[in-house]
Amino acid sequence: MKFKAQIDIMPMEELLDPQGKVVTQSLHKLGLGDIDNVRIGKHINLFVDASDESQAHKAVDEACTKLLANLIMESYSFSVEQVS
């Protein structure tokens, strides 16, 4: 079976996000002062072949921990759904 995973990777809340800070400041300069605390992360879509949703979930989690996310500085979350 084929599954689609949607992964969100974000800097940990305890860490500074320089890119997010620059975007926040730029939004304020554009007159959008009511927007604050922007955090910039990554969104990744991928497909995985697995025997069931549990195996797909395990494969995506392993991909995140071994390569896609830097666990020292980033956290991740994902969803998995079966596609035809």
Protein backbone atom coordinates (compact mmCIF):
# COMPACT_ATOMS: atom_id res chain seq x y z
CA MET A 1 0.00 0.00 0.00
CA LYS A 2 1.10 3.56 -0.63
CA PHE A 3 0.91 6.27 2.01
CA LYS A 4 1.45 10.02 1.88
CA ALA A 5 3.17 11.68 4.81
CA GLN A 6 3.06 15.38 5.59
CA ILE A 7 5.85 16.41 7.95
CA ASP A 8 6.28 19.72 9.78
CA ILE A 9 9.68 20.53 11.27
CA MET A 10 10.06 23.57 13.49
CA PRO A 11 12.83 25.09 15.60
CA MET A 12 12.40 24.22 19.27
CA GLU A 13 10.52 26.90 21.20
CA GLU A 14 13.48 27.43 23.56
CA LEU A 15 15.78 28.42 20.69
CA LEU A 16 16.02 31.66 18.82
CA ASP A 17 14.66 31.71 15.28
CA PRO A 18 16.63 34.45 13.47
CA GLN A 19 14.73 33.97 10.22
CA GLY A 20 11.40 34.22 12.03
CA LYS A 21 12.58 37.34 13.84
CA VAL A 22 13.50 39.05 10.54
CA VAL A 23 10.12 38.14 9.05
CA THR A 24 8.34 39.48 12.15
CA GLN A 25 10.24 42.78 11.91
CA SER A 26 9.53 43.05 8.18
CA LEU A 27 5.82 42.48 8.73
CA HIS A 28 5.80 45.25 11.33
CA LYS A 29 7.49 47.61 8.85
CA LEU A 30 4.74 46.76 6.36
CA GLY A 31 2.12 47.91 8.85
CA LEU A 32 1.22 44.43 10.09
CA GLY A 33 2.17 45.07 13.71
CA ASP A 34 -0.51 42.78 15.05
CA ILE A 35 1.45 39.75 13.76
CA ASP A 36 4.12 38.61 16.19
CA ASN A 37 6.43 35.72 17.08
CA VAL A 38 6.80 34.29 13.57
CA ARG A 39 8.61 30.93 13.51
CA ILE A 40 9.98 29.56 10.25
CA GLY A 41 10.19 25.83 9.68
CA LYS A 42 10.00 23.22 6.94
CA HIS A 43 7.09 21.27 5.45
CA ILE A 44 7.94 18.02 3.68
CA ASN A 45 5.65 15.72 1.70
CA LEU A 46 6.77 12.20 0.88
CA PHE A 47 5.32 8.88 -0.17
CA VAL A 48 6.12 5.54 1.41
CA ASP A 49 5.23 1.97 0.45
CA ALA A 50 4.27 -0.04 3.53
CA SER A 51 2.14 -3.03 4.45
CA ASP A 52 -0.09 -0.95 6.74
CA GLU A 53 -0.43 2.48 8.34
CA SER A 54 1.54 1.45 11.41
CA GLN A 55 4.55 0.46 9.27
CA ALA A 56 4.26 3.70 7.27
CA HIS A 57 4.17 5.68 10.52
CA LYS A 58 7.28 3.86 11.75
CA ALA A 59 9.16 4.50 8.47
CA VAL A 60 8.34 8.22 8.49
CA ASP A 61 9.32 8.56 12.14
CA GLU A 62 12.65 6.88 11.40
CA ALA A 63 13.26 9.19 8.41
CA CYS A 64 12.62 12.20 10.64
CA THR A 65 14.89 11.06 13.46
CA LYS A 66 17.74 9.88 11.22
CA LEU A 67 17.81 12.57 8.53
CA LEU A 68 15.02 15.11 8.14
CA ALA A 69 15.05 16.78 11.57
CA ASN A 70 17.98 17.92 13.68
CA LEU A 71 16.67 16.71 17.04
CA ILE A 72 19.05 18.97 18.95
CA MET A 73 17.43 22.08 17.50
CA GLU A 74 14.15 21.00 15.91
CA SER A 75 10.94 19.19 16.73
CA TYR A 76 8.71 17.47 14.22
CA SER A 77 5.18 16.21 13.77
CA PHE A 78 3.58 14.36 10.89
CA SER A 79 0.45 12.74 9.57
CA VAL A 80 0.17 9.67 7.37
CA GLU A 81 -2.73 8.85 5.06
CA GLN A 82 -3.29 6.05 2.60
CA VAL A 83 -3.46 7.01 -1.07
CA SER A 84 -4.71 4.93 -3.96
